[in-house]
């Protein structure tokens, strides 16, 4: 019996081809994103062969954006957002204005109408949520000052795009859309007022109701002891809040999910919630890039090469220069300014939505949508290369202790001085100061063991204090940081981070520094233990095994203390 299932066919084709081409791209030392985009082009309507359903792919990609923004919200607090408002709000608005002017000027040069020029410029001004957040998360920058500014900047751009998408149909007649009804000034003001009021009502609801209700729901489900229900609750909260935000308040799915995650971040269960959403976030993020590739017509690269180059130049150079200048004028360091400028050197999902709306309202020619999609494809491919170049630049600056851009006094993200090696000797190095690492450090400190703690989250090591305790903030996988731990003079290394892949990198570097060092690492499975041992760990401790041993040992101790029944007792019973 034949079956027709466009959803299953689209998912299987998209993920399978993305996997094949992603692996191939990785082997060629290219970003996997390159393979995902090629997969989308291959199954898109503009290339021969199988054609997946682009509408379904787009909706699946929207789920990825929702889960990604929810995950970012889990690691972001309202205080973090308010802390960067003085640069994120004016900076984002100024950067949007400058990029819009550049894009509009290019469109006018093409001979387009002013309305088309305005939409084209706006589409080039807003960065992709998925691309930016993946880059920040890969470099563990979300919770740094640079990351907070970038995410705050992204939230402001999101709000501006929400207002744009709501107002554009209302202004279509005024802008000259064919067949659109005219709207007077009073109607425009009313529409704007209603939109702002809905946005304010949503934020107020999240701060007053959501801040209490969302953590309470998750805690209630957690107490049931069902991991299945807990996982389901996380997805319902993320997707449900995003849907309510869009359906009732005309707020974007992404912004709604971000606020849901931010309200939940106050809960102790936020870390577990983030872990539960991680697998689906990654899968749907891949579908996002595939859906972008499906929208792209490769022929535009041949038919309009100069127009594509000009569009890409605005995205990669124009926006970056504007963002860098804004950050420097605000008094931030060259390092922070470069990170923000590179972060914004791409466009994504809101650009596609705005382009499609413009074409639907007969304000933007279809050639404009093709240029926007072409610029998005190229910028998404180039952006990881820009981040790689930025990493190398920072590495050189760190080694020389200099920065081509003069630093300011703006805070933690000024170009750092070379990390000074610790003076501790005969000490223990502990990597990770979460729940496991925090317990380990308390035991070692009670034993007056000289201790060096490496942790990338500042708040987790803020309370660490003592004569024999030194704390270093940063990622221990950073070669310079692990080298500064003086492992050649250390008693041992304890790797307590939960990620075995990151732990493997740390163990491998430590073993290269000191071949005879005692290294004990944390693992969650036999496969992770084998991975860590293969990279040089002396011992990989499996949490489940040690828990089982402790339970059995406790049971046997209690049974030994308890008098055993005699044969007479058994006969009587």
Protein backbone atom coordinates (compact mmCIF):
# COMPACT_ATOMS: atom_id res chain seq x y z
CA UNK A 1 0.00 0.00 0.00
CA UNK A 2 1.59 3.30 -1.05
CA UNK A 3 2.07 5.97 1.59
CA UNK A 4 2.35 9.71 1.07
CA UNK A 5 3.85 11.64 3.96
CA UNK A 6 5.43 14.97 2.94
CA UNK A 7 6.45 15.68 6.55
CA UNK A 8 8.40 12.45 7.05
CA UNK A 9 9.85 12.64 3.54
CA UNK A 10 11.02 16.21 4.07
CA UNK A 11 12.57 15.50 7.48
CA UNK A 12 14.33 12.32 6.34
CA UNK A 13 15.63 13.83 3.10
CA UNK A 14 16.75 17.07 4.77
CA UNK A 15 18.54 15.50 7.74
CA UNK A 16 20.07 12.63 5.76
CA UNK A 17 21.53 14.83 3.03
CA UNK A 18 22.60 17.43 5.59
CA UNK A 19 24.42 14.70 7.51
CA UNK A 20 26.25 13.42 4.42
CA UNK A 21 27.27 16.85 3.16
CA UNK A 22 28.00 18.10 6.68
CA UNK A 23 30.45 15.24 7.27
CA UNK A 24 32.02 15.90 3.87
CA UNK A 25 32.40 19.60 4.67
CA UNK A 26 34.00 18.74 8.01
CA UNK A 27 36.50 16.44 6.26
CA UNK A 28 37.36 19.30 3.88
CA UNK A 29 37.91 21.57 6.93
CA UNK A 30 34.86 23.66 6.08
CA UNK A 31 32.09 24.61 8.53
CA UNK A 32 29.31 21.94 8.62
CA UNK A 33 26.88 24.79 7.88
CA UNK A 34 28.27 24.75 4.34
CA UNK A 35 27.06 21.17 3.93
CA UNK A 36 23.64 21.96 5.42
CA UNK A 37 23.09 24.84 2.99
CA UNK A 38 24.18 22.71 0.03
CA UNK A 39 21.71 20.03 1.17
CA UNK A 40 18.92 22.59 1.07
CA UNK A 41 19.92 23.76 -2.41
CA UNK A 42 20.04 20.14 -3.62
CA UNK A 43 16.48 19.34 -2.46
CA UNK A 44 15.11 22.78 -3.31
CA UNK A 45 12.82 23.67 -6.23
CA UNK A 46 15.60 25.31 -8.28
CA UNK A 47 17.72 22.17 -8.78
CA UNK A 48 16.80 18.93 -10.59
CA UNK A 49 15.78 15.78 -8.75
CA UNK A 50 13.82 15.34 -5.54
CA UNK A 51 12.09 18.48 -4.23
CA UNK A 52 11.15 18.64 -0.54
CA UNK A 53 8.20 20.64 0.77
CA UNK A 54 9.60 24.14 1.42
CA UNK A 55 6.65 25.20 3.59
CA UNK A 56 7.09 22.24 5.92
CA UNK A 57 10.84 22.79 6.06
CA UNK A 58 10.30 26.42 6.99
CA UNK A 59 7.90 25.54 9.81
CA UNK A 60 10.30 22.92 11.16
CA UNK A 61 13.08 25.49 11.03
CA UNK A 62 10.89 27.86 13.06
CA UNK A 63 10.78 25.20 15.79
CA UNK A 64 14.57 25.24 15.81
CA UNK A 65 14.63 29.00 16.28
CA UNK A 66 12.12 28.73 19.14
CA UNK A 67 14.12 26.06 20.98
CA UNK A 68 17.39 27.88 20.37
CA UNK A 69 16.08 31.16 21.80
CA UNK A 70 14.54 29.28 24.73
CA UNK A 71 17.93 27.74 25.48
CA UNK A 72 19.63 31.13 25.34
CA UNK A 73 17.00 32.54 27.68
CA UNK A 74 17.81 29.76 30.16
CA UNK A 75 21.38 31.08 30.39
CA UNK A 76 20.31 34.72 30.41
CA UNK A 77 18.75 36.72 33.21
CA UNK A 78 16.75 39.92 33.24
CA UNK A 79 19.65 41.57 35.06
CA UNK A 80 21.97 40.60 32.19
CA UNK A 81 19.55 42.17 29.70
CA UNK A 82 19.14 45.36 31.71
CA UNK A 83 22.89 45.60 32.28
CA UNK A 84 23.57 46.07 28.54
CA UNK A 85 20.53 48.19 27.68
CA UNK A 86 22.58 51.39 27.44
CA UNK A 87 24.61 49.99 24.55
CA UNK A 88 22.23 47.35 23.11
CA UNK A 89 19.27 49.68 22.50
CA UNK A 90 21.01 52.72 20.94
CA UNK A 91 23.64 50.54 19.31
CA UNK A 92 21.13 48.25 17.61
CA UNK A 93 18.95 51.14 16.49
CA UNK A 94 21.92 53.06 15.08
CA UNK A 95 23.27 49.96 13.32
CA UNK A 96 19.84 49.16 11.83
CA UNK A 97 19.51 52.74 10.60
CA UNK A 98 22.98 52.78 9.02
CA UNK A 99 22.57 49.37 7.34
CA UNK A 100 19.10 50.34 6.09
CA UNK A 101 20.49 53.52 4.53
CA UNK A 102 23.27 51.58 2.81
CA UNK A 103 20.87 48.95 1.49
CA UNK A 104 18.35 51.56 0.38
CA UNK A 105 21.05 53.51 -1.46
CA UNK A 106 22.06 50.34 -3.32
CA UNK A 107 18.41 49.63 -4.22
CA UNK A 108 17.92 53.18 -5.51
CA UNK A 109 21.03 52.66 -7.65
CA UNK A 110 19.32 49.54 -9.04
CA UNK A 111 16.42 51.80 -10.04
CA UNK A 112 13.87 50.46 -7.53
CA UNK A 113 11.06 52.42 -5.90
CA UNK A 114 11.66 54.03 -2.47
CA UNK A 115 9.39 51.48 -0.75
CA UNK A 116 11.37 48.59 -2.21
CA UNK A 117 14.60 50.32 -1.20
CA UNK A 118 13.37 50.69 2.38
CA UNK A 119 12.39 47.01 2.68
CA UNK A 120 15.62 45.88 1.04
CA UNK A 121 17.69 47.97 3.45
CA UNK A 122 15.78 46.74 6.50
CA UNK A 123 16.23 43.12 5.40
CA UNK A 124 20.00 43.62 5.27
CA UNK A 125 20.13 45.24 8.71
CA UNK A 126 19.06 42.37 10.97
CA UNK A 127 21.29 39.44 11.95
CA UNK A 128 20.33 35.77 12.05
CA UNK A 129 19.41 34.42 15.48
CA UNK A 130 20.56 30.90 14.67
CA UNK A 131 23.93 31.82 13.16
CA UNK A 132 24.83 34.32 15.87
CA UNK A 133 23.86 32.15 18.82
CA UNK A 134 25.57 29.03 17.46
CA UNK A 135 28.79 31.02 17.05
CA UNK A 136 28.55 32.44 20.59
CA UNK A 137 27.71 29.08 22.14
CA UNK A 138 30.55 27.28 20.35
CA UNK A 139 32.96 29.81 21.88
CA UNK A 140 31.22 29.86 25.28
CA UNK A 141 30.69 33.60 24.96
CA UNK A 142 26.98 33.84 25.79
CA UNK A 143 27.62 34.67 29.45
CA UNK A 144 30.53 37.05 28.85
CA UNK A 145 30.08 40.79 28.45
CA UNK A 146 30.52 40.44 24.69
CA UNK A 147 27.88 37.72 24.59
CA UNK A 148 25.41 39.68 26.70
CA UNK A 149 25.78 42.71 24.46
CA UNK A 150 25.33 40.58 21.33
CA UNK A 151 22.22 38.86 22.70
CA UNK A 152 20.78 42.15 23.95
CA UNK A 153 21.48 43.66 20.53
CA UNK A 154 19.69 40.69 18.96
CA UNK A 155 16.63 41.16 21.19
CA UNK A 156 16.39 44.83 20.19
CA UNK A 157 16.65 43.88 16.51
CA UNK A 158 13.91 41.32 17.07
CA UNK A 159 11.61 43.93 18.59
CA UNK A 160 12.28 46.36 15.72
CA UNK A 161 11.49 43.65 13.17
CA UNK A 162 8.28 42.72 15.02
CA UNK A 163 7.15 46.35 14.77
CA UNK A 164 8.16 46.46 11.10
CA UNK A 165 6.28 43.29 10.16
CA UNK A 166 3.15 44.51 11.94
CA UNK A 167 3.23 48.03 10.50
CA UNK A 168 4.25 47.16 6.94
CA UNK A 169 0.83 45.86 5.80
CA UNK A 170 -0.82 48.89 7.39
CA UNK A 171 1.57 51.22 5.57
CA UNK A 172 1.45 49.33 2.26
CA UNK A 173 -1.07 51.68 0.67
CA UNK A 174 0.89 54.73 1.75
CA UNK A 175 4.05 53.20 0.32
CA UNK A 176 2.35 52.50 -3.00
CA UNK A 177 1.46 48.80 -2.88
CA UNK A 178 -0.80 47.74 -5.67
CA UNK A 179 -4.38 47.20 -4.51
CA UNK A 180 -3.63 48.13 -0.90
CA UNK A 181 -6.04 50.38 0.93
CA UNK A 182 -4.91 53.82 1.96
CA UNK A 183 -4.52 54.51 5.67
CA UNK A 184 -4.50 57.93 7.19
CA UNK A 185 -2.07 59.29 9.76
CA UNK A 186 -4.50 58.54 12.59
CA UNK A 187 -4.76 54.93 11.49
CA UNK A 188 -0.98 54.57 11.37
CA UNK A 189 -0.59 56.03 14.87
CA UNK A 190 -3.35 53.74 16.14
CA UNK A 191 -1.71 50.66 14.63
CA UNK A 192 1.66 51.62 16.10
CA UNK A 193 0.12 52.28 19.50
CA UNK A 194 -1.69 48.95 19.55
CA UNK A 195 1.49 47.10 18.57
CA UNK A 196 3.59 48.76 21.26
CA UNK A 197 0.83 48.17 23.83
CA UNK A 198 0.68 44.45 22.96
CA UNK A 199 4.45 44.16 23.24
CA UNK A 200 4.41 45.93 26.62
CA UNK A 201 1.53 43.72 27.80
CA UNK A 202 3.45 40.59 26.88
CA UNK A 203 6.59 41.72 28.72
CA UNK A 204 4.49 42.69 31.75
CA UNK A 205 2.72 39.33 31.73
CA UNK A 206 6.03 37.47 31.63
CA UNK A 207 7.50 39.55 34.46
CA UNK A 208 4.44 39.36 36.70
CA UNK A 209 2.89 35.99 35.91
CA UNK A 210 5.47 34.03 33.92
CA UNK A 211 8.30 34.62 36.38
CA UNK A 212 6.32 32.74 39.04
CA UNK A 213 4.18 30.37 37.01
CA UNK A 214 6.81 28.88 34.66
CA UNK A 215 9.32 27.81 37.38
CA UNK A 216 6.43 26.55 39.57
CA UNK A 217 5.13 24.30 36.78
CA UNK A 218 8.56 22.81 36.15
CA UNK A 219 9.23 22.24 39.87
CA UNK A 220 5.83 20.62 40.28
CA UNK A 221 6.49 18.20 37.43
CA UNK A 222 10.04 17.51 38.68
CA UNK A 223 8.63 16.38 42.03
CA UNK A 224 6.56 13.71 40.26
CA UNK A 225 9.84 11.93 39.51
CA UNK A 226 8.97 11.33 35.86
CA UNK A 227 11.77 12.38 33.53
CA UNK A 228 9.46 11.86 30.58
CA UNK A 229 6.96 14.38 31.97
CA UNK A 230 9.77 16.78 32.88
CA UNK A 231 11.10 16.70 29.31
CA UNK A 232 7.59 17.16 27.94
CA UNK A 233 7.03 20.11 30.29
CA UNK A 234 10.16 21.85 29.03
CA UNK A 235 8.99 21.63 25.41
CA UNK A 236 5.43 22.65 26.27
CA UNK A 237 6.68 25.72 28.15
CA UNK A 238 9.00 26.73 25.32
CA UNK A 239 6.61 26.12 22.43
CA UNK A 240 3.46 27.13 24.32
CA UNK A 241 4.86 30.47 25.45
CA UNK A 242 6.14 31.19 21.93
CA UNK A 243 2.72 30.38 20.47
CA UNK A 244 0.86 32.53 23.03
CA UNK A 245 3.28 35.40 22.36
CA UNK A 246 2.56 35.23 18.63
CA UNK A 247 -1.17 34.48 18.78
CA UNK A 248 -2.25 36.91 21.49
CA UNK A 249 0.40 39.62 21.45
CA UNK A 250 1.73 39.57 17.86
CA UNK A 251 5.23 39.02 19.24
CA UNK A 252 7.63 36.80 17.31
CA UNK A 253 7.96 33.12 18.27
CA UNK A 254 11.66 33.63 18.97
CA UNK A 255 11.15 36.55 21.34
CA UNK A 256 8.40 34.70 23.21
CA UNK A 257 10.59 31.63 23.68
CA UNK A 258 13.51 33.80 24.82
CA UNK A 259 11.42 35.38 27.58
CA UNK A 260 10.11 31.94 28.64
CA UNK A 261 13.67 30.69 29.04
CA UNK A 262 14.73 33.86 30.84
CA UNK A 263 11.89 33.49 33.38
CA UNK A 264 12.89 29.86 33.96
CA UNK A 265 16.57 30.77 34.41
CA UNK A 266 15.86 31.75 38.02
CA UNK A 267 15.00 28.11 38.79
CA UNK A 268 17.55 25.57 39.99
CA UNK A 269 16.20 23.24 37.29
CA UNK A 270 17.21 25.53 34.44
CA UNK A 271 20.43 23.61 33.74
CA UNK A 272 18.57 20.32 33.44
CA UNK A 273 15.93 21.99 31.25
CA UNK A 274 18.67 23.23 28.93
CA UNK A 275 20.12 19.73 28.66
CA UNK A 276 16.72 18.25 27.82
CA UNK A 277 16.18 20.63 24.88
CA UNK A 278 19.71 20.31 23.46
CA UNK A 279 19.24 17.32 21.08
CA UNK A 280 16.12 18.71 19.40
CA UNK A 281 17.64 22.19 19.27
CA UNK A 282 20.56 20.90 17.24
CA UNK A 283 18.39 18.84 14.90
CA UNK A 284 15.97 21.68 14.17
CA UNK A 285 18.82 24.16 13.80
CA UNK A 286 20.13 21.95 10.98
CA UNK A 287 16.67 22.07 9.39
CA UNK A 288 16.85 25.86 9.54
CA UNK A 289 19.96 25.95 7.38
CA UNK A 290 18.48 23.38 5.00
CA UNK A 291 15.34 25.49 4.63
CA UNK A 292 17.48 28.53 3.81
CA UNK A 293 19.21 26.58 1.07
CA UNK A 294 15.85 25.47 -0.35
CA UNK A 295 14.78 29.08 -0.85
CA UNK A 296 17.89 30.02 -2.80
CA UNK A 297 18.01 30.11 -6.60
CA UNK A 298 21.68 29.53 -7.54
CA UNK A 299 21.19 31.09 -10.98
CA UNK A 300 21.18 34.55 -9.40
CA UNK A 301 24.93 34.16 -8.77
CA UNK A 302 25.47 33.92 -12.53
CA UNK A 303 22.81 36.37 -13.66
CA UNK A 304 23.49 39.14 -11.11
CA UNK A 305 27.06 38.68 -9.79
CA UNK A 306 27.76 42.39 -9.22
CA UNK A 307 24.47 42.92 -7.42
CA UNK A 308 25.19 39.92 -5.18
CA UNK A 309 28.69 41.21 -4.44
CA UNK A 310 27.35 44.65 -3.54
CA UNK A 311 24.69 43.12 -1.28
CA UNK A 312 27.24 40.89 0.45
CA UNK A 313 29.58 43.85 0.89
CA UNK A 314 26.91 45.75 2.82
CA UNK A 315 26.23 42.72 5.05
CA UNK A 316 29.84 41.75 5.72
CA UNK A 317 31.60 45.11 5.59
CA UNK A 318 29.05 47.88 5.91
CA UNK A 319 27.23 46.45 8.95
CA UNK A 320 30.49 45.38 10.60
CA UNK A 321 32.13 48.77 10.22
CA UNK A 322 29.00 50.51 11.54
CA UNK A 323 28.79 48.20 14.57
CA UNK A 324 32.51 48.54 15.28
CA UNK A 325 32.30 52.32 15.13
CA UNK A 326 29.27 52.40 17.41
CA UNK A 327 30.97 50.20 20.00
CA UNK A 328 34.18 52.22 19.93
CA UNK A 329 32.28 55.51 20.24
CA UNK A 330 30.53 54.04 23.28
CA UNK A 331 33.94 53.45 24.89
CA UNK A 332 34.25 49.68 24.50
CA UNK A 333 37.50 47.91 23.76
CA UNK A 334 38.66 46.84 20.33
CA UNK A 335 38.16 43.18 21.31
CA UNK A 336 34.52 43.68 22.28
CA UNK A 337 33.84 45.89 19.25
CA UNK A 338 35.35 43.32 16.87
CA UNK A 339 33.32 40.50 18.39
CA UNK A 340 30.05 42.43 18.03
CA UNK A 341 30.86 43.52 14.47
CA UNK A 342 31.70 39.96 13.37
CA UNK A 343 28.61 38.62 15.14
CA UNK A 344 26.35 40.88 13.09
CA UNK A 345 28.04 40.21 9.73
CA UNK A 346 25.23 37.99 8.41
CA UNK A 347 21.46 38.00 7.87
CA UNK A 348 18.86 35.32 8.40
CA UNK A 349 15.31 34.38 9.26
CA UNK A 350 13.76 37.83 9.76
CA UNK A 351 15.29 38.95 6.47
CA UNK A 352 13.49 36.11 4.67
CA UNK A 353 10.18 36.86 6.37
CA UNK A 354 10.44 40.56 5.54
CA UNK A 355 11.43 39.84 1.92
CA UNK A 356 8.50 37.46 1.42
CA UNK A 357 6.09 39.97 2.96
CA UNK A 358 7.44 42.73 0.73
CA UNK A 359 6.96 40.60 -2.39
CA UNK A 360 3.47 39.59 -1.25
CA UNK A 361 2.49 43.24 -0.78
CA UNK A 362 3.95 44.08 -4.21
CA UNK A 363 6.42 46.48 -2.61
CA UNK A 364 9.62 44.50 -3.30
CA UNK A 365 10.46 42.96 -6.69
CA UNK A 366 11.26 39.25 -6.75
CA UNK A 367 14.80 40.16 -7.78
CA UNK A 368 15.14 41.84 -4.39
CA UNK A 369 14.17 38.65 -2.59
CA UNK A 370 16.72 36.69 -4.65
CA UNK A 371 19.44 39.17 -3.71
CA UNK A 372 18.50 38.97 -0.03
CA UNK A 373 18.60 35.18 -0.10
CA UNK A 374 21.88 35.18 -2.01
CA UNK A 375 23.39 37.63 0.47
CA UNK A 376 22.16 35.46 3.35
CA UNK A 377 23.68 32.29 1.90
CA UNK A 378 27.07 33.88 1.28
CA UNK A 379 27.15 35.70 4.65
CA UNK A 380 26.15 32.56 6.58
CA UNK A 381 28.97 30.67 4.86
CA UNK A 382 31.54 33.41 5.44
CA UNK A 383 30.58 34.26 9.03
CA UNK A 384 32.22 31.16 10.64
CA UNK A 385 35.39 31.99 8.71
CA UNK A 386 35.29 35.54 10.12
CA UNK A 387 34.93 34.13 13.64
CA UNK A 388 37.87 31.80 13.01
CA UNK A 389 39.97 34.77 11.86
CA UNK A 390 38.84 36.68 14.95
CA UNK A 391 39.92 33.78 17.17
CA UNK A 392 43.37 33.79 15.57
CA UNK A 393 43.60 37.56 15.97
CA UNK A 394 42.74 37.32 19.66
CA UNK A 395 45.24 34.49 20.04
CA UNK A 396 48.04 36.64 18.63
CA UNK A 397 47.00 39.58 20.79
CA UNK A 398 46.97 37.34 23.88
CA UNK A 399 50.45 35.93 23.14
CA UNK A 400 51.96 39.37 22.57
CA UNK A 401 49.93 41.12 25.26
CA UNK A 402 48.96 43.80 22.76
CA UNK A 403 45.90 44.77 20.78
CA UNK A 404 45.88 46.88 17.66
CA UNK A 405 42.85 48.68 19.09
CA UNK A 406 43.50 50.55 22.28
CA UNK A 407 41.57 49.08 25.19
CA UNK A 408 39.13 51.04 27.28
CA UNK A 409 37.97 50.68 30.85
CA UNK A 410 34.70 49.09 29.87
CA UNK A 411 34.99 45.88 31.83
CA UNK A 412 35.79 42.23 31.55
CA UNK A 413 36.21 42.06 27.80
CA UNK A 414 39.13 44.37 27.34
CA UNK A 415 41.99 42.53 25.60
CA UNK A 416 43.42 40.34 28.30
CA UNK A 417 47.01 40.33 29.38
CA UNK A 418 48.96 37.07 29.01
CA UNK A 419 47.76 34.68 31.71
CA UNK A 420 50.30 34.46 34.49
CA UNK A 421 51.17 30.90 35.59
CA UNK A 422 50.10 30.06 39.12
CA UNK A 423 52.65 29.99 41.93
CA UNK A 424 50.98 26.95 43.50
CA UNK A 425 53.05 23.77 43.73
CA UNK A 426 52.15 20.27 44.83
CA UNK A 427 48.55 21.27 44.24
CA UNK A 428 45.41 19.77 42.71
CA UNK A 429 43.86 21.34 39.62
CA UNK A 430 40.06 21.15 39.49
CA UNK A 431 38.30 21.91 36.19
CA UNK A 432 34.64 22.73 36.65
CA UNK A 433 33.00 24.16 39.77
CA UNK A 434 29.37 23.15 39.32
CA UNK A 435 27.49 20.69 41.49
CA UNK A 436 30.19 17.99 41.31
CA UNK A 437 33.17 20.35 41.27
CA UNK A 438 31.75 22.43 44.12
CA UNK A 439 31.53 19.38 46.37
CA UNK A 440 35.05 18.28 45.43
CA UNK A 441 36.49 21.72 46.21
CA UNK A 442 34.79 21.83 49.62
CA UNK A 443 36.30 18.44 50.55
CA UNK A 444 39.78 19.40 49.34
CA UNK A 445 39.67 22.74 51.14
CA UNK A 446 38.67 21.03 54.39
CA UNK A 447 41.73 18.83 53.91
CA UNK A 448 43.84 22.00 53.38
CA UNK A 449 44.94 20.77 49.98
CA UNK A 450 46.42 23.50 47.73
CA UNK A 451 43.79 23.90 45.01
CA UNK A 452 43.56 25.61 41.64
CA UNK A 453 40.03 25.92 40.22
CA UNK A 454 39.34 26.60 36.54
CA UNK A 455 35.74 27.55 35.71
CA UNK A 456 34.30 29.53 32.80
CA UNK A 457 31.29 30.86 34.75
CA UNK A 458 32.25 33.80 36.91
CA UNK A 459 29.31 33.40 39.29
CA UNK A 460 30.37 29.86 40.21
CA UNK A 461 33.81 30.89 41.44
CA UNK A 462 32.88 34.26 42.94
CA UNK A 463 32.55 32.72 46.42
CA UNK A 464 35.81 30.79 46.25
CA UNK A 465 38.28 32.24 48.70
CA UNK A 466 41.21 30.98 50.75
CA UNK A 467 44.97 31.12 51.14
CA UNK A 468 45.52 27.80 49.38
CA UNK A 469 42.86 28.29 46.71
CA UNK A 470 43.38 30.04 43.37
CA UNK A 471 40.55 30.51 40.85
CA UNK A 472 41.00 31.12 37.15
CA UNK A 473 38.07 32.16 34.98
CA UNK A 474 37.97 30.71 31.49
CA UNK A 475 37.70 27.53 29.45
CA UNK A 476 40.31 24.95 30.45
CA UNK A 477 40.40 23.75 26.83
CA UNK A 478 42.20 27.01 26.07
CA UNK A 479 45.88 25.95 25.71
CA UNK A 480 47.16 29.11 27.36
CA UNK A 481 44.91 28.69 30.38
CA UNK A 482 45.70 25.03 30.98
CA UNK A 483 49.41 25.80 30.57
CA UNK A 484 49.12 28.44 33.31
CA UNK A 485 47.91 25.80 35.80
CA UNK A 486 51.51 24.62 36.41
CA UNK A 487 50.62 20.99 35.75
CA UNK A 488 54.28 19.96 35.78
CA UNK A 489 54.33 20.67 39.54
CA UNK A 490 50.77 19.51 40.32
CA UNK A 491 49.73 16.43 42.29
CA UNK A 492 46.82 15.70 40.03
CA UNK A 493 44.07 16.99 37.72
CA UNK A 494 40.36 16.46 38.34
CA UNK A 495 38.14 17.12 35.29
CA UNK A 496 34.60 17.58 36.63
CA UNK A 497 32.95 19.13 33.57
CA UNK A 498 29.87 17.27 32.33
CA UNK A 499 30.79 17.39 28.63
CA UNK A 500 33.06 14.43 27.83
CA UNK A 501 34.13 15.91 24.50
CA UNK A 502 35.38 19.07 26.18
CA UNK A 503 36.87 16.93 28.93
CA UNK A 504 38.75 14.91 26.33
CA UNK A 505 40.38 18.06 24.94
CA UNK A 506 41.43 19.13 28.42
CA UNK A 507 42.83 15.69 29.28
CA UNK A 508 44.75 15.47 26.01
CA UNK A 509 46.44 18.85 26.53
CA UNK A 510 47.21 18.10 30.18
CA UNK A 511 48.76 14.75 29.29
CA UNK A 512 50.99 16.45 26.71
CA UNK A 513 52.19 18.91 29.36
CA UNK A 514 52.86 16.28 32.04
CA UNK A 515 53.00 12.64 30.84
CA UNK A 516 53.11 11.29 34.42
CA UNK A 517 50.28 13.42 35.85
CA UNK A 518 47.44 11.69 37.71
CA UNK A 519 44.26 12.64 35.80
CA UNK A 520 40.80 11.67 37.02
CA UNK A 521 37.88 12.64 34.75
CA UNK A 522 34.11 12.53 35.03
CA UNK A 523 32.09 10.30 32.68
CA UNK A 524 28.42 9.42 32.30
CA UNK A 525 28.75 6.21 30.31
CA UNK A 526 31.21 3.51 29.31
CA UNK A 527 31.62 5.15 25.90
CA UNK A 528 32.51 8.49 27.51
CA UNK A 529 34.92 6.74 29.86
CA UNK A 530 36.63 5.04 26.92
CA UNK A 531 36.84 8.39 25.13
CA UNK A 532 38.52 10.05 28.12
CA UNK A 533 40.90 7.14 28.71
CA UNK A 534 41.88 7.17 25.03
CA UNK A 535 42.83 10.84 25.37
CA UNK A 536 45.06 10.20 28.39
CA UNK A 537 42.97 10.05 31.55
CA UNK A 538 44.41 7.87 34.32
CA UNK A 539 40.92 7.05 35.53
CA UNK A 540 37.43 7.88 34.28
CA UNK A 541 34.84 7.82 37.05
CA UNK A 542 31.35 6.80 35.90
CA UNK A 543 28.79 8.55 38.06
CA UNK A 544 26.20 5.78 37.85
CA UNK A 545 28.75 3.09 38.78
CA UNK A 546 30.00 5.03 41.81
CA UNK A 547 26.44 5.70 42.96
CA UNK A 548 25.62 2.00 42.68
CA UNK A 549 28.77 1.06 44.62
CA UNK A 550 27.95 3.56 47.37
CA UNK A 551 24.38 2.25 47.66
CA UNK A 552 25.52 -1.38 47.86
CA UNK A 553 28.27 -0.52 50.37
CA UNK A 554 25.78 1.35 52.54
CA UNK A 555 23.35 -1.53 52.37
CA UNK A 556 26.00 -4.09 53.32
CA UNK A 557 27.19 -1.91 56.22
CA UNK A 558 23.70 -1.64 57.64
CA UNK A 559 23.07 -5.36 57.19
CA UNK A 560 26.33 -6.20 59.00
CA UNK A 561 25.28 -4.02 61.93
CA UNK A 562 21.88 -5.67 62.11
CA UNK A 563 21.67 -9.04 63.96
CA UNK A 564 20.97 -11.88 61.58
CA UNK A 565 18.07 -14.27 62.29
CA UNK A 566 19.04 -17.69 63.73
CA UNK A 567 17.73 -21.02 62.47
CA UNK A 568 15.32 -21.09 65.42
CA UNK A 569 13.97 -17.68 64.45
CA UNK A 570 13.44 -18.92 60.90
CA UNK A 571 11.73 -22.10 62.17
CA UNK A 572 9.42 -20.06 64.36
CA UNK A 573 8.52 -17.80 61.46
